[in-house]
């Protein structure tokens, strides 16, 4: 499909979904379609499941609307950044969050669609949860305090009670410098450094270390949906193969999607 055809198909999709018309939406999809909600870890297959999803959306959030923004097209794929908005049926509270979608096309229809959105923000806006306050900046520790500061940060993130000592005496001093001087600097909050580290390990495809630091990020206050959003974002900068590795790790580590 050429870009104008894809843009026309996407325009018709958003019009149909905003009308919450199950049959109109289904006409735009391949009968063998797959529809994935990455945030909730839910996969749906086929047109009947797609129609049920549209009906469920209408029931849970009357007036649901998708407002597309930037569209990137690459061959038979497209990614769209957009805004999701609606009204919570039970409370009447209005909500709005940014979202990202990835599409694949076949024979003029949508054969695959994946969405990622901020579920925690929606729950906060409709009054289901309260978001934690961000930690205040920490002072740069004095040199004599750094071993204790390093261990305090490592304990909070990973439950470490003591740094291992290698045969060459390198491991413990290296970790003390990393956590006592770099992680302890006041320029970034601990949760931000954790999310940055997860991003770096994602692009480097370091799966073992990534699982370790995903757990640390959760302990630092990073939400599971933020980690998944970062993985989707990095798919376009680091590549889909490394994002697939990170998603596999996330499915095992993050709450509600595997055996954390």
Foldseek 3Di string as FASTA:
>chain_A
DDPVLVVVLVVQLQVCLLVLPLVSNLVQADQQAWEAELAQRDIDGGSVRSNVVSVVCCQQFPSWHKAWDDWDDDPQKIKTKIKIWTAGNPQRFIAIWIKMKMFGDDPSHTRYMYIAIDPVRVCVRSVNDDADDADAFAAQDDPVCQQVQLQVLCCLQQVDPAFDADPVRPGRVVSSCCRSGVCNHRPDGNLVVLLVVLLVCLLVLVLVVNLRSVSSNVSSRDALSNSLVSLVVCCVVSHDVSSVSNSVSSLPRHPPRHPD
